[in-house]
Amino acid sequence: MNSLAARAATSQALSEPASADRRALIQAVRSVDTAGLFGADKELTFVRDFATQTTVARIIDKETGDVVAQVPPEDILQMAEEVNGS
């Protein structure tokens, strides 16, 4: 499988001690990407927003790299950053 999300998750997992939860998450992301639940040209990724320390789920267009959808949305992350920063 050539999923960017799976490769990133696997790479991160190899650099940190493995846990059952992390392995389960990696497998779940691979399953979603393999099944094409978001379309053959999209993939599910997870990133960490450093400003808010929040995990962000994104659906990425594989061809362009554009973010198609994100949870939580960028405006919510910005509001959380402002609240935490003051």
C-alpha atoms as a PDB file:
ATOM      1  CA  MET A   1       0.000   0.000   0.000  1.00  0.00           C
ATOM      2  CA  ASN A   2       1.341   3.457  -0.902  1.00  0.00           C
ATOM      3  CA  SER A   3      -0.792   5.521   1.425  1.00  0.00           C
ATOM      4  CA  LEU A   4       0.938   8.655   2.629  1.00  0.00           C
ATOM      5  CA  ALA A   5      -1.033   8.500   5.865  1.00  0.00           C
ATOM      6  CA  ALA A   6      -0.075   4.928   6.568  1.00  0.00           C
ATOM      7  CA  ARG A   7       3.578   5.628   5.784  1.00  0.00           C
ATOM      8  CA  ALA A   8       3.616   8.677   8.062  1.00  0.00           C
ATOM      9  CA  ALA A   9       1.871   6.829  10.863  1.00  0.00           C
ATOM     10  CA  THR A  10       4.184   3.853  10.449  1.00  0.00           C
ATOM     11  CA  SER A  11       7.256   6.071  10.394  1.00  0.00           C
ATOM     12  CA  GLN A  12       6.175   7.818  13.574  1.00  0.00           C
ATOM     13  CA  ALA A  13       5.333   4.502  15.212  1.00  0.00           C
ATOM     14  CA  LEU A  14       8.799   3.166  14.429  1.00  0.00           C
ATOM     15  CA  SER A  15      10.437   6.164  16.077  1.00  0.00           C
ATOM     16  CA  GLU A  16       8.408   5.774  19.293  1.00  0.00           C
ATOM     17  CA  PRO A  17       7.750   2.793  21.522  1.00  0.00           C
ATOM     18  CA  ALA A  18       4.963   0.721  19.961  1.00  0.00           C
ATOM     19  CA  SER A  19       1.708   0.400  21.825  1.00  0.00           C
ATOM     20  CA  ALA A  20      -1.371  -1.664  21.107  1.00  0.00           C
ATOM     21  CA  ASP A  21      -3.420   1.534  20.655  1.00  0.00           C
ATOM     22  CA  ARG A  22      -0.949   3.017  18.173  1.00  0.00           C
ATOM     23  CA  ARG A  23      -0.824  -0.198  16.159  1.00  0.00           C
ATOM     24  CA  ALA A  24      -4.620  -0.330  16.128  1.00  0.00           C
ATOM     25  CA  LEU A  25      -4.795   3.272  14.877  1.00  0.00           C
ATOM     26  CA  ILE A  26      -2.274   2.597  12.115  1.00  0.00           C
ATOM     27  CA  GLN A  27      -4.236  -0.466  11.033  1.00  0.00           C
ATOM     28  CA  ALA A  28      -7.506   1.504  11.069  1.00  0.00           C
ATOM     29  CA  VAL A  29      -6.026   4.263   8.884  1.00  0.00           C
ATOM     30  CA  ARG A  30      -4.687   1.659   6.449  1.00  0.00           C
ATOM     31  CA  SER A  31      -8.086  -0.035   6.316  1.00  0.00           C
ATOM     32  CA  VAL A  32      -9.903   3.232   5.597  1.00  0.00           C
ATOM     33  CA  ASP A  33      -7.428   4.190   2.876  1.00  0.00           C
ATOM     34  CA  THR A  34      -7.475   0.722   1.303  1.00  0.00           C
ATOM     35  CA  ALA A  35     -11.279   0.639   1.267  1.00  0.00           C
ATOM     36  CA  GLY A  36     -11.348   4.005  -0.504  1.00  0.00           C
ATOM     37  CA  LEU A  37     -14.062   5.300   1.805  1.00  0.00           C
ATOM     38  CA  PHE A  38     -13.211   8.873   0.876  1.00  0.00           C
ATOM     39  CA  GLY A  39     -12.587   8.083  -2.788  1.00  0.00           C
ATOM     40  CA  ALA A  40      -9.648   6.574  -4.610  1.00  0.00           C
ATOM     41  CA  ASP A  41      -7.964   9.964  -4.900  1.00  0.00           C
ATOM     42  CA  LYS A  42      -8.210  10.900  -1.213  1.00  0.00           C
ATOM     43  CA  GLU A  43      -6.639   9.667   2.003  1.00  0.00           C
ATOM     44  CA  LEU A  44      -7.133  10.052   5.721  1.00  0.00           C
ATOM     45  CA  THR A  45      -4.283  11.574   7.718  1.00  0.00           C
ATOM     46  CA  PHE A  46      -3.748  12.615  11.306  1.00  0.00           C
ATOM     47  CA  VAL A  47      -1.539  15.505  12.342  1.00  0.00           C
ATOM     48  CA  ARG A  48      -0.791  17.237  15.616  1.00  0.00           C
ATOM     49  CA  ASP A  49      -1.555  20.956  15.863  1.00  0.00           C
ATOM     50  CA  PHE A  50       1.383  22.142  17.948  1.00  0.00           C
ATOM     51  CA  ALA A  51      -0.220  25.413  19.057  1.00  0.00           C
ATOM     52  CA  THR A  52      -3.228  23.704  20.641  1.00  0.00           C
ATOM     53  CA  GLN A  53      -1.767  20.209  21.151  1.00  0.00           C
ATOM     54  CA  THR A  54      -4.834  18.831  19.371  1.00  0.00           C
ATOM     55  CA  THR A  55      -4.939  15.844  17.045  1.00  0.00           C
ATOM     56  CA  VAL A  56      -6.422  16.873  13.711  1.00  0.00           C
ATOM     57  CA  ALA A  57      -7.981  14.460  11.207  1.00  0.00           C
ATOM     58  CA  ARG A  58      -7.701  15.512   7.586  1.00  0.00           C
ATOM     59  CA  ILE A  59      -8.892  14.162   4.275  1.00  0.00           C
ATOM     60  CA  ILE A  60      -6.214  14.979   1.701  1.00  0.00           C
ATOM     61  CA  ASP A  61      -6.438  14.962  -2.102  1.00  0.00           C
ATOM     62  CA  LYS A  62      -3.607  12.598  -3.099  1.00  0.00           C
ATOM     63  CA  GLU A  63      -2.927  14.369  -6.398  1.00  0.00           C
ATOM     64  CA  THR A  64      -2.820  17.990  -5.216  1.00  0.00           C
ATOM     65  CA  GLY A  65      -2.077  17.602  -1.509  1.00  0.00           C
ATOM     66  CA  ASP A  66      -4.975  19.953  -0.745  1.00  0.00           C
ATOM     67  CA  VAL A  67      -6.955  19.519   2.470  1.00  0.00           C
ATOM     68  CA  VAL A  68     -10.491  18.543   1.439  1.00  0.00           C
ATOM     69  CA  ALA A  69     -11.907  18.336   4.976  1.00  0.00           C
ATOM     70  CA  GLN A  70     -10.550  18.735   8.493  1.00  0.00           C
ATOM     71  CA  VAL A  71     -11.792  17.997  12.019  1.00  0.00           C
ATOM     72  CA  PRO A  72     -11.609  20.176  14.017  1.00  0.00           C
ATOM     73  CA  PRO A  73     -11.792  22.959  11.424  1.00  0.00           C
ATOM     74  CA  GLU A  74      -8.998  25.523  11.170  1.00  0.00           C
ATOM     75  CA  ASP A  75     -11.139  28.351  12.600  1.00  0.00           C
ATOM     76  CA  ILE A  76     -11.842  26.300  15.739  1.00  0.00           C
ATOM     77  CA  LEU A  77      -8.121  25.615  16.168  1.00  0.00           C
ATOM     78  CA  GLN A  78      -7.413  29.340  15.831  1.00  0.00           C
ATOM     79  CA  MET A  79     -10.053  30.196  18.458  1.00  0.00           C
ATOM     80  CA  ALA A  80      -8.601  27.595  20.822  1.00  0.00           C
ATOM     81  CA  GLU A  81      -5.132  29.040  20.312  1.00  0.00           C
ATOM     82  CA  GLU A  82      -6.378  32.544  21.080  1.00  0.00           C
ATOM     83  CA  VAL A  83      -8.162  31.373  24.233  1.00  0.00           C
ATOM     84  CA  ASN A  84      -5.131  29.424  25.441  1.00  0.00           C
ATOM     85  CA  GLY A  85      -2.740  32.227  24.532  1.00  0.00           C
ATOM     86  CA  SER A  86      -4.446  34.867  26.664  1.00  0.00           C
END
